[in-house]
Protein backbone atom coordinates (compact mmCIF):
# COMPACT_ATOMS: atom_id res chain seq x y z
CA MET A 1 21.12 22.01 14.09
CA ASN A 2 19.04 19.17 15.53
CA ILE A 3 18.41 16.16 12.68
CA ALA A 4 16.14 14.06 12.99
CA LEU A 5 17.19 10.45 11.05
CA ILE A 6 15.09 7.61 9.90
CA GLY A 7 16.81 4.66 9.02
CA ALA A 8 19.98 5.52 11.97
CA THR A 9 21.38 1.95 12.15
CA GLY A 10 21.32 1.66 8.17
CA ASN A 11 24.37 1.50 5.80
CA VAL A 12 23.89 4.95 4.56
CA GLY A 13 22.18 5.98 7.93
CA SER A 14 25.14 5.11 10.14
CA ARG A 15 27.32 7.23 7.83
CA ILE A 16 25.30 10.41 7.79
CA LEU A 17 24.85 9.84 11.58
CA GLU A 18 28.78 9.66 12.16
CA GLU A 19 28.75 12.74 9.52
CA ALA A 20 26.13 14.71 11.78
CA LEU A 21 27.72 13.76 14.99
CA ARG A 22 31.34 14.63 13.59
CA ARG A 23 30.27 17.98 12.87
CA GLY A 24 28.76 18.87 15.88
CA HIS A 25 24.72 18.47 15.48
CA GLN A 26 22.41 17.15 17.35
CA VAL A 27 20.94 13.73 16.05
CA ILE A 28 17.53 12.05 16.95
CA ALA A 29 18.18 8.80 15.82
CA ILE A 30 15.01 7.05 14.66
CA ALA A 31 14.75 3.19 14.34
CA ARG A 32 12.10 0.54 14.98
CA ASP A 33 14.14 -0.59 17.85
CA ALA A 34 15.90 2.22 19.48
CA GLY A 35 17.75 -0.35 21.73
CA LYS A 36 20.23 -1.09 18.83
CA ILE A 37 21.35 2.33 18.88
CA ALA A 38 24.45 2.94 21.22
CA ALA A 39 24.25 5.95 23.50
CA ARG A 40 26.33 8.83 22.99
CA ASP A 41 26.94 12.47 23.60
CA LYS A 42 24.55 14.46 21.35
CA LEU A 43 22.63 11.30 20.41
CA THR A 44 19.11 10.54 21.29
CA ALA A 45 17.55 7.46 20.23
CA ARG A 46 14.17 6.89 19.61
CA SER A 47 11.96 4.11 18.83
CA ALA A 48 8.86 4.87 15.68
CA ASP A 49 7.45 2.87 12.75
CA VAL A 50 7.64 5.25 10.11
CA LYS A 51 3.72 3.79 9.25
CA ASP A 52 2.49 5.17 12.63
CA THR A 53 1.99 8.54 11.79
CA ALA A 54 1.25 9.87 15.30
CA ALA A 55 4.33 8.18 16.53
CA LEU A 56 6.70 9.37 14.14
CA ALA A 57 5.59 12.75 14.89
CA ALA A 58 6.77 12.64 18.20
CA ALA A 59 9.73 10.85 17.52
CA ILE A 60 10.81 14.26 15.29
CA ALA A 61 9.70 16.72 17.70
CA GLY A 62 12.17 19.31 18.20
CA ALA A 63 14.04 18.74 15.08
CA ASP A 64 14.96 21.48 12.19
CA VAL A 65 15.23 18.87 9.93
CA VAL A 66 13.72 15.28 9.36
CA VAL A 67 16.09 13.20 6.81
CA SER A 68 14.98 9.77 5.80
CA SER A 69 17.15 7.00 4.98
CA GLY A 70 15.22 4.01 4.67
CA ARG A 71 14.27 1.65 2.05
CA PHE A 72 11.67 3.10 -0.31
CA ALA A 73 10.12 -0.54 -0.44
CA ASN A 74 9.06 0.04 2.89
CA PHE A 75 7.12 3.27 2.98
CA THR A 76 6.40 6.07 1.02
CA ALA A 77 6.20 9.78 1.00
CA ALA A 78 2.69 10.02 1.99
CA ASP A 79 3.88 7.85 5.19
CA VAL A 80 5.88 10.29 5.92
CA LEU A 81 4.91 14.03 4.75
CA PRO A 82 2.17 14.18 7.32
CA ALA A 83 4.31 13.19 10.34
CA LEU A 84 6.58 16.04 9.53
CA LYS A 85 3.65 18.39 9.27
CA GLN A 86 2.12 17.40 12.64
CA ALA A 87 5.27 18.02 14.37
CA GLY A 88 5.79 21.03 12.66
CA VAL A 89 9.07 20.21 10.86
CA ARG A 90 9.23 22.25 8.03
CA ARG A 91 12.53 20.57 5.90
CA LEU A 92 12.84 16.82 4.77
CA ALA A 93 16.32 15.48 3.11
CA VAL A 94 15.73 12.00 1.25
CA VAL A 95 18.17 9.60 0.54
CA GLY A 96 17.35 8.65 -2.90
CA GLY A 97 18.42 6.08 -5.18
CA ALA A 98 20.47 6.20 -8.43
CA GLY A 99 17.55 4.68 -10.56
CA SER A 100 15.38 7.86 -11.62
CA LEU A 101 18.45 9.62 -12.75
CA GLU A 102 18.69 10.33 -16.35
CA ILE A 103 20.91 8.62 -18.88
CA ALA A 104 19.96 10.49 -21.61
CA PRO A 105 17.01 13.33 -21.72
CA GLY A 106 14.05 11.36 -20.60
CA LYS A 107 15.60 7.86 -20.28
CA ALA A 108 15.90 7.00 -16.38
CA LEU A 109 18.30 4.42 -15.52
CA VAL A 110 15.91 1.86 -14.12
CA ASP A 111 14.10 1.68 -17.71
CA THR A 112 17.28 0.20 -19.32
CA PRO A 113 17.37 -3.19 -20.50
CA ASP A 114 20.64 -3.82 -18.29
CA PHE A 115 19.38 -2.47 -14.89
CA PRO A 116 19.50 -5.38 -12.35
CA ALA A 117 15.72 -6.87 -11.84
CA GLU A 118 16.72 -7.77 -8.37
CA TYR A 119 16.92 -3.41 -7.68
CA LYS A 120 13.94 -2.73 -9.90
CA PRO A 121 11.35 -2.64 -7.12
CA GLU A 122 13.26 -0.38 -5.14
CA ALA A 123 14.50 1.65 -7.75
CA THR A 124 10.66 2.05 -9.15
CA ALA A 125 9.27 3.12 -5.40
CA GLY A 126 12.17 5.62 -4.83
CA ARG A 127 10.82 7.25 -8.60
CA ALA A 128 7.39 7.29 -7.18
CA PHE A 129 8.69 8.58 -4.28
CA LEU A 130 10.53 11.90 -6.04
CA ASN A 131 7.24 12.43 -7.86
CA ASP A 132 5.39 12.56 -5.07
CA LEU A 133 7.80 15.21 -3.51
CA ARG A 134 7.75 17.12 -6.51
CA GLY A 135 3.73 18.01 -5.60
CA GLU A 136 4.59 18.79 -2.24
CA LYS A 137 4.16 22.69 -1.24
CA ASP A 138 4.71 22.51 2.18
CA ILE A 139 7.79 21.02 3.08
CA ALA A 140 11.24 22.19 2.09
CA TRP A 141 12.58 18.73 0.37
CA THR A 142 15.55 17.90 -0.93
CA PHE A 143 16.32 14.30 -2.78
CA LEU A 144 20.22 13.29 -3.06
CA SER A 145 20.50 10.52 -5.38
CA PRO A 146 23.93 8.70 -5.38
CA SER A 147 25.93 7.25 -8.57
CA ALA A 148 25.12 3.70 -9.84
CA LEU A 149 27.40 1.87 -7.27
CA PHE A 150 26.49 2.94 -3.71
CA ILE A 151 29.18 1.29 -1.77
CA ALA A 152 31.33 1.31 1.94
CA GLY A 153 34.18 3.23 1.38
CA GLU A 154 36.89 5.87 2.10
CA ARG A 155 35.63 9.51 3.24
CA THR A 156 37.53 11.71 0.96
CA GLY A 157 35.49 14.97 0.50
CA LYS A 158 36.32 14.87 -3.16
CA PHE A 159 33.16 14.40 -5.10
CA ARG A 160 31.09 16.27 -8.19
CA LEU A 161 27.53 17.46 -7.54
CA GLY A 162 24.96 17.20 -10.24
CA ALA A 163 21.30 17.61 -10.93
CA ASP A 164 19.26 14.55 -12.67
CA GLN A 165 21.55 13.29 -14.96
CA LEU A 166 24.03 10.19 -13.55
CA LEU A 167 27.19 11.50 -12.96
CA ALA A 168 30.38 8.96 -14.15
CA ASP A 169 34.02 9.21 -14.10
CA ALA A 170 36.48 9.42 -17.17
CA ALA A 171 36.19 5.49 -17.41
CA GLY A 172 32.59 5.06 -17.37
CA LYS A 173 32.31 4.35 -14.04
CA SER A 174 29.11 5.65 -11.91
CA TRP A 175 30.16 5.14 -7.84
CA ILE A 176 30.39 6.87 -4.63
CA SER A 177 31.12 5.85 -1.22
CA TYR A 178 28.45 5.96 1.80
CA GLU A 179 31.14 8.28 3.50
CA ASP A 180 31.54 10.74 0.91
CA TYR A 181 27.77 10.75 0.02
CA ALA A 182 27.08 11.53 3.92
CA ILE A 183 29.31 14.21 3.39
CA ALA A 184 27.35 15.94 0.30
CA LEU A 185 24.10 15.36 2.34
CA LEU A 186 25.35 17.12 5.64
CA ASP A 187 26.93 19.91 3.24
CA GLU A 188 23.14 20.38 1.99
CA LEU A 189 21.87 20.74 5.42
CA GLU A 190 24.00 22.99 6.55
CA GLN A 191 23.96 25.20 3.20
CA PRO A 192 21.06 24.84 1.36
CA LYS A 193 21.25 24.97 -2.40
CA HIS A 194 18.76 22.13 -3.56
CA LEU A 195 15.47 23.31 -1.83
CA ARG A 196 12.54 21.23 -3.53
CA ALA A 197 14.82 19.73 -5.87
CA ARG A 198 16.92 16.77 -6.56
CA PHE A 199 20.60 16.59 -7.02
CA THR A 200 22.83 13.63 -7.24
CA VAL A 201 26.59 13.36 -5.91
CA GLY A 202 29.28 10.93 -7.70
CA TYR A 203 33.38 10.86 -8.53
């Protein structure tokens, strides 16, 4: 599979890049400065600004799927979707946020009183991105939300999947490592089970 990865140098994007290469996929790593991406086998680095539709379309040309791993505060679904359509790429996977997950029917994590104020703008923008995708008819999209605590850790391959509800372990902790998140995302790319849907991953 040829995977175009937006945000390949970030905390999550770099783990997705490693997981994709580990599995033998071709990767087009897209960043504002492609010079920061070290040359590797099966890896092509391309520079593009996500808000420049023509440049992004050129960068993702030839991909089977685009993975968006950028910050929601920096761009919207309306910035990304036209580039996919222009490039003829019909599949999009988005690294989502936990804020839009439900902790009770109809109640999102981001709307709780204890949700950290510093993360609220990004979480709110992530929810808006997801809502825009839900109205998209032409692109087969997938939005994978991590658990509440999303951190560097181990690649264990042992995790649970859910739908729209926040996952937590027996002690009430909601978390997932970047490394295991990357496994869940690549599993979905290889064997799609959540097309035009959001799902979540956690321990």
